[in-house]
């Protein structure tokens, strides 16, 4: 990622993302406070991890003399993606130089894959430093330390194991561009951003479009429930895509500009949002291309209209559509023409009382004085001005 002027740096270190910069605003006060403070303090002072920053155009700036030297003295060529492993190494997709660089914990840089010129040597496994890549634009690191590479120009996803051997995990003939890549640790599923399509790969079905209709997808992650969180730079929004391919925006108003602190997530401008990461216990971080800011999306906060919720519950009708989860965990489809037995009687009211979780949410919203509506999210930016 290239940026100019005051900026907030986003770096993935040891499998987690850290952010920092100038003029960071006050942190939020929620259960993730301690973790958020720890992460932000890691990069409270802006530091360069790699790259001399002297190049001006999109050409290959790699010099063999950089090999094994200080990472901050090496020229990188459109390094669009970086992910860290559990040992403290950071892998960088050095796109225009057609290689993957590794920055070691002691600050040295070396080539992990590629020969610094574009090409395709087929799919047979071999020494990663003797095989060509072509515009590697995305990278993902599994818990095992295996590195996966979005070899954009060759329409492939590559596997780089810990012994330094490179192989092809799968070929994506419909890949149109992008940088977002996620691969499950057991290699049973992978997701790739491809401009307007979110692609899914499985060993049995191959590559298919899980969801379409986006503008220009950026980076992505996968939540524990299997849903994909993906940024759409062209739409300036963040989407959640279910395993069934249903997408819904969760952050970003779609407008350009810089959002203010504390706005609901869907009312916050995220101008060309590209980066995304979830820090356990500290929330979701998203980074914008324009404005060079990192926003933190706080936990869900219930905003429930109690009268509307009560009417919906008495009719077994979901508050916001979809499906309703009963108190004992039995899922019931909404049927607007059916009334539950005992409806309107004292016995019926007891039978249709709200589940404990929703009752608690209503109580919390009443204490907090929140307004009506569905479930809301709020964003808190780390300002860099």
Protein backbone atom coordinates (compact mmCIF):
# COMPACT_ATOMS: atom_id res chain seq x y z
CA UNK A 1 0.00 0.00 0.00
CA UNK A 2 1.31 3.41 -0.91
CA UNK A 3 0.16 6.61 0.73
CA UNK A 4 1.38 10.14 1.12
CA UNK A 5 1.03 12.73 3.84
CA UNK A 6 0.00 12.00 7.43
CA UNK A 7 -1.10 8.41 7.69
CA UNK A 8 -1.97 5.61 10.02
CA UNK A 9 0.13 2.53 9.46
CA UNK A 10 -1.53 -0.86 9.48
CA UNK A 11 0.83 -3.79 9.97
CA UNK A 12 0.15 -7.46 10.49
CA UNK A 13 2.60 -8.82 13.04
CA UNK A 14 2.54 -12.37 14.40
CA UNK A 15 -0.89 -12.96 12.92
CA UNK A 16 -2.49 -9.80 14.35
CA UNK A 17 -2.94 -6.30 13.05
CA UNK A 18 -1.55 -3.24 14.75
CA UNK A 19 -2.18 0.39 13.99
CA UNK A 20 -0.64 3.66 14.98
CA UNK A 21 0.06 7.15 13.83
CA UNK A 22 -0.09 10.78 14.83
CA UNK A 23 -2.80 12.33 16.88
CA UNK A 24 -4.58 9.11 17.83
CA UNK A 25 -7.93 9.88 19.42
CA UNK A 26 -9.17 8.56 22.75
CA UNK A 27 -9.90 4.84 22.82
CA UNK A 28 -13.41 3.44 23.27
CA UNK A 29 -14.48 2.08 26.63
CA UNK A 30 -15.81 -1.45 26.19
CA UNK A 31 -14.74 -4.97 27.01
CA UNK A 32 -12.00 -4.90 24.38
CA UNK A 33 -10.36 -1.85 25.92
CA UNK A 34 -7.25 -3.55 27.28
CA UNK A 35 -6.56 -5.48 24.08
CA UNK A 36 -7.14 -2.43 21.92
CA UNK A 37 -4.74 -0.39 24.03
CA UNK A 38 -2.11 -3.13 23.80
CA UNK A 39 -2.41 -3.30 20.01
CA UNK A 40 -2.37 0.45 19.49
CA UNK A 41 0.55 0.95 21.87
CA UNK A 42 2.58 -1.49 19.74
CA UNK A 43 2.57 1.07 16.94
CA UNK A 44 2.10 4.24 18.96
CA UNK A 45 5.15 5.66 17.20
CA UNK A 46 5.25 5.45 13.42
CA UNK A 47 8.02 3.19 12.15
CA UNK A 48 8.91 1.83 8.74
CA UNK A 49 8.98 -1.95 8.59
CA UNK A 50 10.35 -2.28 5.06
CA UNK A 51 11.04 -0.18 2.01
CA UNK A 52 13.19 2.90 1.39
CA UNK A 53 10.26 4.76 -0.19
CA UNK A 54 12.27 6.45 -2.92
CA UNK A 55 10.66 4.89 -5.99
CA UNK A 56 8.22 7.01 -7.96
CA UNK A 57 6.70 4.78 -10.64
CA UNK A 58 5.29 1.28 -11.07
CA UNK A 59 8.43 -0.51 -12.18
CA UNK A 60 10.59 -3.26 -10.73
CA UNK A 61 12.99 -1.63 -8.31
CA UNK A 62 14.52 -4.77 -6.79
CA UNK A 63 18.30 -4.96 -6.67
CA UNK A 64 20.06 -8.25 -5.77
CA UNK A 65 22.16 -6.19 -3.36
CA UNK A 66 19.06 -5.79 -1.15
CA UNK A 67 19.03 -9.54 -0.44
CA UNK A 68 19.72 -10.22 3.24
CA UNK A 69 20.20 -6.56 4.04
CA UNK A 70 18.20 -4.13 6.17
CA UNK A 71 14.56 -4.17 5.08
CA UNK A 72 14.31 -0.39 5.40
CA UNK A 73 17.10 0.05 2.82
CA UNK A 74 15.42 -2.08 0.15
CA UNK A 75 13.19 -0.63 -2.54
CA UNK A 76 9.79 -2.32 -2.84
CA UNK A 77 7.66 -2.22 -5.95
CA UNK A 78 3.94 -1.67 -5.23
CA UNK A 79 3.83 -3.82 -2.07
CA UNK A 80 0.06 -4.17 -1.87
CA UNK A 81 -0.30 -6.78 0.84
CA UNK A 82 1.57 -8.00 3.94
CA UNK A 83 0.78 -10.71 6.49
CA UNK A 84 2.80 -12.01 9.44
CA UNK A 85 3.35 -15.52 10.76
CA UNK A 86 3.59 -16.85 14.30
CA UNK A 87 7.40 -16.53 14.31
CA UNK A 88 7.37 -12.78 13.72
CA UNK A 89 8.20 -12.89 10.01
CA UNK A 90 6.25 -10.61 7.68
CA UNK A 91 5.58 -11.70 4.09
CA UNK A 92 5.11 -8.93 1.52
CA UNK A 93 3.61 -9.24 -1.96
CA UNK A 94 6.15 -7.20 -3.96
CA UNK A 95 3.83 -6.94 -6.93
CA UNK A 96 5.79 -5.11 -9.63
CA UNK A 97 8.94 -7.09 -8.79
CA UNK A 98 7.02 -10.39 -9.17
CA UNK A 99 8.20 -11.82 -5.86
CA UNK A 100 7.32 -12.42 -2.24
CA UNK A 101 9.67 -10.85 0.31
CA UNK A 102 10.15 -11.98 3.88
CA UNK A 103 11.12 -9.55 6.61
CA UNK A 104 12.62 -11.37 9.59
CA UNK A 105 12.20 -10.30 13.23
CA UNK A 106 15.68 -8.78 13.18
CA UNK A 107 14.71 -6.47 10.30
CA UNK A 108 16.42 -8.27 7.41
CA UNK A 109 14.73 -8.77 4.04
CA UNK A 110 15.04 -11.74 1.71
CA UNK A 111 13.18 -13.25 -1.22
CA UNK A 112 10.82 -16.06 -0.24
CA UNK A 113 9.42 -16.83 -3.71
CA UNK A 114 9.91 -15.63 -7.27
CA UNK A 115 12.88 -14.71 -9.45
CA UNK A 116 12.06 -10.97 -9.81
CA UNK A 117 10.79 -11.28 -13.38
CA UNK A 118 7.32 -12.28 -14.59
CA UNK A 119 6.70 -15.78 -15.86
CA UNK A 120 4.99 -19.15 -15.33
CA UNK A 121 6.89 -22.40 -14.90
CA UNK A 122 3.85 -24.65 -14.63
CA UNK A 123 2.38 -26.26 -11.55
CA UNK A 124 4.99 -28.84 -10.58
CA UNK A 125 6.41 -28.26 -7.08
CA UNK A 126 9.88 -26.80 -6.90
CA UNK A 127 12.26 -24.40 -5.21
CA UNK A 128 10.23 -21.22 -4.65
CA UNK A 129 13.22 -19.01 -5.33
CA UNK A 130 13.77 -20.64 -8.72
CA UNK A 131 10.16 -20.40 -9.98
CA UNK A 132 8.46 -17.42 -11.58
CA UNK A 133 5.49 -15.46 -10.29
CA UNK A 134 3.51 -12.85 -12.20
CA UNK A 135 2.05 -9.88 -10.33
CA UNK A 136 1.59 -11.46 -6.91
CA UNK A 137 -1.00 -9.18 -5.37
CA UNK A 138 -2.27 -11.04 -2.31
CA UNK A 139 -0.83 -13.18 0.46
CA UNK A 140 -2.24 -15.25 3.33
CA UNK A 141 -0.42 -17.14 6.10
CA UNK A 142 -1.95 -20.20 7.76
CA UNK A 143 -1.46 -21.12 11.40
CA UNK A 144 1.00 -23.78 10.27
CA UNK A 145 3.21 -21.15 8.65
CA UNK A 146 2.28 -22.12 5.09
CA UNK A 147 2.12 -19.04 2.88
CA UNK A 148 -0.51 -18.74 0.15
CA UNK A 149 0.08 -16.37 -2.76
CA UNK A 150 -2.44 -14.82 -5.13
CA UNK A 151 -0.42 -15.12 -8.34
CA UNK A 152 -2.63 -12.68 -10.18
CA UNK A 153 -0.95 -12.65 -13.58
CA UNK A 154 -0.92 -16.45 -13.76
CA UNK A 155 -4.52 -16.80 -12.44
CA UNK A 156 -3.35 -19.14 -9.68
CA UNK A 157 -3.19 -19.47 -5.93
CA UNK A 158 0.21 -20.82 -4.89
CA UNK A 159 1.29 -22.69 -1.78
CA UNK A 160 4.69 -21.94 -0.22
CA UNK A 161 5.53 -24.44 2.51
CA UNK A 162 7.97 -23.96 5.37
CA UNK A 163 10.71 -25.85 3.51
CA UNK A 164 10.68 -23.29 0.69
CA UNK A 165 8.87 -25.40 -1.92
CA UNK A 166 6.30 -23.72 -4.15
CA UNK A 167 3.31 -25.52 -5.67
CA UNK A 168 -0.10 -24.63 -7.08
CA UNK A 169 -3.13 -25.02 -4.84
CA UNK A 170 -5.63 -24.22 -7.58
CA UNK A 171 -6.10 -22.36 -10.85
CA UNK A 172 -8.77 -19.62 -11.07
CA UNK A 173 -9.56 -19.08 -14.77
CA UNK A 174 -12.22 -16.44 -14.02
CA UNK A 175 -9.94 -14.32 -11.82
CA UNK A 176 -10.24 -10.74 -13.09
CA UNK A 177 -8.06 -8.93 -10.56
CA UNK A 178 -7.94 -8.21 -6.86
CA UNK A 179 -5.86 -8.82 -3.76
CA UNK A 180 -8.10 -10.42 -1.15
CA UNK A 181 -7.14 -14.02 -0.32
CA UNK A 182 -8.07 -16.37 2.52
CA UNK A 183 -7.34 -20.11 2.74
CA UNK A 184 -8.56 -22.44 5.48
CA UNK A 185 -5.82 -24.14 7.49
CA UNK A 186 -7.00 -27.56 6.25
CA UNK A 187 -7.29 -26.30 2.64
CA UNK A 188 -10.94 -27.32 2.38
CA UNK A 189 -12.05 -23.87 1.20
CA UNK A 190 -10.52 -20.64 -0.06
CA UNK A 191 -11.91 -17.21 -0.95
CA UNK A 192 -10.54 -14.72 -3.47
CA UNK A 193 -11.58 -11.16 -4.35
CA UNK A 194 -12.03 -10.75 -8.09
CA UNK A 195 -13.14 -7.17 -8.83
CA UNK A 196 -16.96 -7.51 -8.73
CA UNK A 197 -17.09 -11.17 -7.69
CA UNK A 198 -16.23 -13.00 -4.49
CA UNK A 199 -14.87 -16.37 -5.58
CA UNK A 200 -14.94 -19.54 -3.50
CA UNK A 201 -12.79 -22.61 -4.13
CA UNK A 202 -13.25 -26.11 -2.76
CA UNK A 203 -11.38 -29.26 -3.86
CA UNK A 204 -14.62 -30.86 -5.05
CA UNK A 205 -16.40 -27.95 -6.75
CA UNK A 206 -13.42 -25.95 -7.93
CA UNK A 207 -13.80 -22.17 -8.35
CA UNK A 208 -17.30 -20.69 -8.27
CA UNK A 209 -18.71 -17.21 -7.68
CA UNK A 210 -20.10 -17.10 -4.13
CA UNK A 211 -21.47 -13.56 -4.54
CA UNK A 212 -21.49 -10.97 -7.32
CA UNK A 213 -22.53 -7.38 -7.96
CA UNK A 214 -19.70 -5.63 -6.14
CA UNK A 215 -17.69 -2.74 -7.58
CA UNK A 216 -14.02 -3.33 -6.72
CA UNK A 217 -13.35 -5.76 -3.90
CA UNK A 218 -10.33 -5.40 -1.64
CA UNK A 219 -9.10 -7.50 1.27
CA UNK A 220 -11.15 -10.06 3.13
CA UNK A 221 -11.22 -12.20 6.26
CA UNK A 222 -13.46 -15.05 7.41
CA UNK A 223 -15.30 -15.00 10.71
CA UNK A 224 -15.58 -18.11 12.94
CA UNK A 225 -19.19 -18.61 11.77
CA UNK A 226 -17.96 -19.04 8.19
CA UNK A 227 -19.18 -15.71 6.84
CA UNK A 228 -16.79 -13.61 4.75
CA UNK A 229 -16.10 -9.98 5.62
CA UNK A 230 -14.87 -8.17 2.53
CA UNK A 231 -14.11 -4.56 1.68
CA UNK A 232 -15.45 -3.00 -1.52
CA UNK A 233 -13.13 -0.15 -2.40
CA UNK A 234 -15.28 0.96 -5.30
CA UNK A 235 -18.42 1.16 -3.16
CA UNK A 236 -16.62 2.45 -0.03
CA UNK A 237 -18.40 -0.15 2.07
CA UNK A 238 -17.72 -3.36 3.99
CA UNK A 239 -19.92 -6.39 3.36
CA UNK A 240 -20.69 -9.59 5.19
CA UNK A 241 -21.31 -12.53 2.85
CA UNK A 242 -22.91 -15.67 4.25
CA UNK A 243 -21.87 -19.19 3.26
CA UNK A 244 -25.02 -19.23 1.09
CA UNK A 245 -23.81 -16.18 -0.84
CA UNK A 246 -26.16 -13.60 0.69
CA UNK A 247 -24.39 -10.25 1.13
CA UNK A 248 -25.28 -7.31 3.33
CA UNK A 249 -23.36 -4.11 4.16
CA UNK A 250 -22.09 -3.84 7.74
CA UNK A 251 -20.06 -0.63 7.53
CA UNK A 252 -19.64 2.38 5.30
CA UNK A 253 -22.20 4.87 4.01
CA UNK A 254 -20.99 4.58 0.43
CA UNK A 255 -20.05 8.25 0.37
CA UNK A 256 -16.63 9.82 -0.05
CA UNK A 257 -15.04 11.90 2.66
CA UNK A 258 -13.92 11.35 6.24
CA UNK A 259 -16.34 10.16 8.89
CA UNK A 260 -16.64 11.49 12.42
CA UNK A 261 -16.06 9.58 15.61
CA UNK A 262 -18.96 7.61 17.07
CA UNK A 263 -21.27 7.45 14.04
CA UNK A 264 -23.23 4.26 13.35
CA UNK A 265 -21.13 2.05 11.09
CA UNK A 266 -23.49 2.33 8.12
CA UNK A 267 -23.48 6.13 8.41
CA UNK A 268 -19.68 6.43 8.47
CA UNK A 269 -17.94 7.37 5.18
CA UNK A 270 -15.15 4.86 4.46
CA UNK A 271 -13.56 6.41 1.39
CA UNK A 272 -12.17 3.56 -0.75
CA UNK A 273 -11.91 1.16 2.19
CA UNK A 274 -9.38 -1.60 1.44
CA UNK A 275 -7.92 -3.17 4.59
CA UNK A 276 -9.74 -5.30 7.14
CA UNK A 277 -8.72 -7.37 10.17
CA UNK A 278 -10.32 -8.65 13.34
CA UNK A 279 -8.35 -8.38 16.58
CA UNK A 280 -9.68 -10.92 19.11
CA UNK A 281 -11.29 -9.08 21.97
CA UNK A 282 -10.72 -5.65 20.43
CA UNK A 283 -13.10 -5.45 17.46
CA UNK A 284 -12.89 -5.08 13.72
CA UNK A 285 -10.36 -2.74 12.10
CA UNK A 286 -10.82 -1.33 8.60
CA UNK A 287 -8.41 0.91 6.72
CA UNK A 288 -9.29 3.46 4.04
CA UNK A 289 -7.20 4.31 1.00
CA UNK A 290 -8.30 7.93 0.87
CA UNK A 291 -7.78 9.77 4.12
CA UNK A 292 -5.35 7.08 5.33
CA UNK A 293 -7.35 6.25 8.43
CA UNK A 294 -8.06 3.15 10.46
CA UNK A 295 -11.53 2.76 11.91
CA UNK A 296 -12.48 0.45 14.69
CA UNK A 297 -15.93 -1.08 14.49
CA UNK A 298 -17.20 -1.62 18.00
CA UNK A 299 -19.27 -4.53 19.24
CA UNK A 300 -22.94 -4.85 18.34
CA UNK A 301 -25.18 -2.70 20.47
CA UNK A 302 -28.85 -3.54 20.74
CA UNK A 303 -31.21 -0.82 19.59
CA UNK A 304 -34.64 -2.35 19.92
CA UNK A 305 -38.08 -0.75 19.88
CA UNK A 306 -39.69 -2.58 22.80
CA UNK A 307 -43.27 -2.24 21.61
CA UNK A 308 -42.42 -3.44 18.11
CA UNK A 309 -40.37 -6.30 19.53
CA UNK A 310 -43.23 -7.35 21.83
CA UNK A 311 -45.74 -7.37 18.97
CA UNK A 312 -43.33 -9.35 16.80
CA UNK A 313 -42.69 -11.90 19.53
CA UNK A 314 -46.41 -12.43 20.23
CA UNK A 315 -46.91 -13.18 16.55
CA UNK A 316 -43.74 -15.25 16.29
CA UNK A 317 -42.59 -12.67 13.78
CA UNK A 318 -38.92 -11.67 13.45
CA UNK A 319 -38.23 -8.06 14.40
CA UNK A 320 -36.18 -7.42 11.26
CA UNK A 321 -37.35 -10.21 8.96
CA UNK A 322 -35.69 -13.53 8.30
CA UNK A 323 -36.01 -16.30 10.88
CA UNK A 324 -36.94 -16.25 14.54
CA UNK A 325 -35.03 -18.15 17.20
CA UNK A 326 -37.31 -19.39 19.96
CA UNK A 327 -36.37 -19.60 23.62
CA UNK A 328 -35.58 -23.30 23.51
CA UNK A 329 -33.50 -22.91 20.37
CA UNK A 330 -36.10 -24.23 17.91
CA UNK A 331 -35.96 -22.20 14.70
CA UNK A 332 -39.36 -21.32 13.23
CA UNK A 333 -40.07 -19.88 9.81
CA UNK A 334 -42.29 -16.82 9.83
CA UNK A 335 -45.76 -17.53 8.48
CA UNK A 336 -47.79 -14.29 8.43
CA UNK A 337 -51.05 -16.20 8.05
CA UNK A 338 -50.59 -18.41 11.11
CA UNK A 339 -51.25 -17.51 14.73
CA UNK A 340 -49.70 -19.54 17.53
CA UNK A 341 -51.97 -21.55 19.80
CA UNK A 342 -53.26 -19.58 22.75
CA UNK A 343 -52.52 -16.25 21.08
CA UNK A 344 -54.01 -13.40 23.06
CA UNK A 345 -54.46 -15.40 26.27
CA UNK A 346 -52.39 -15.30 29.42
CA UNK A 347 -51.18 -18.82 28.65
CA UNK A 348 -50.28 -17.73 25.14
CA UNK A 349 -48.29 -14.78 26.43
CA UNK A 350 -46.25 -17.07 28.64
CA UNK A 351 -45.69 -19.51 25.78
CA UNK A 352 -44.55 -16.72 23.49
CA UNK A 353 -42.44 -14.74 25.93
CA UNK A 354 -39.22 -13.30 24.46
CA UNK A 355 -36.02 -15.32 24.67
CA UNK A 356 -33.71 -14.38 27.48
CA UNK A 357 -31.10 -12.89 25.15
CA UNK A 358 -33.58 -10.50 23.54
CA UNK A 359 -35.11 -9.61 26.90
CA UNK A 360 -31.64 -8.68 28.14
CA UNK A 361 -31.01 -6.64 24.99
CA UNK A 362 -34.25 -4.72 25.54
CA UNK A 363 -33.26 -3.99 29.13
CA UNK A 364 -29.83 -2.78 28.03
CA UNK A 365 -31.32 -0.52 25.37
CA UNK A 366 -33.75 0.91 27.89
CA UNK A 367 -30.92 1.70 30.31
CA UNK A 368 -28.77 3.17 27.55
CA UNK A 369 -31.62 5.23 26.12
CA UNK A 370 -30.94 4.08 22.55
CA UNK A 371 -33.44 4.76 19.81
CA UNK A 372 -35.57 2.41 17.77
CA UNK A 373 -34.41 0.30 14.88
CA UNK A 374 -32.58 -2.95 14.38
CA UNK A 375 -29.12 -3.86 15.62
CA UNK A 376 -26.63 -1.05 15.21
CA UNK A 377 -22.85 -0.82 14.94
CA UNK A 378 -20.65 2.12 15.66
CA UNK A 379 -17.26 3.04 14.24
CA UNK A 380 -14.51 4.82 16.10
CA UNK A 381 -11.64 6.16 13.97
CA UNK A 382 -7.99 6.46 14.88
CA UNK A 383 -7.44 9.99 13.61
CA UNK A 384 -4.17 10.92 11.93
CA UNK A 385 -4.54 14.61 11.60
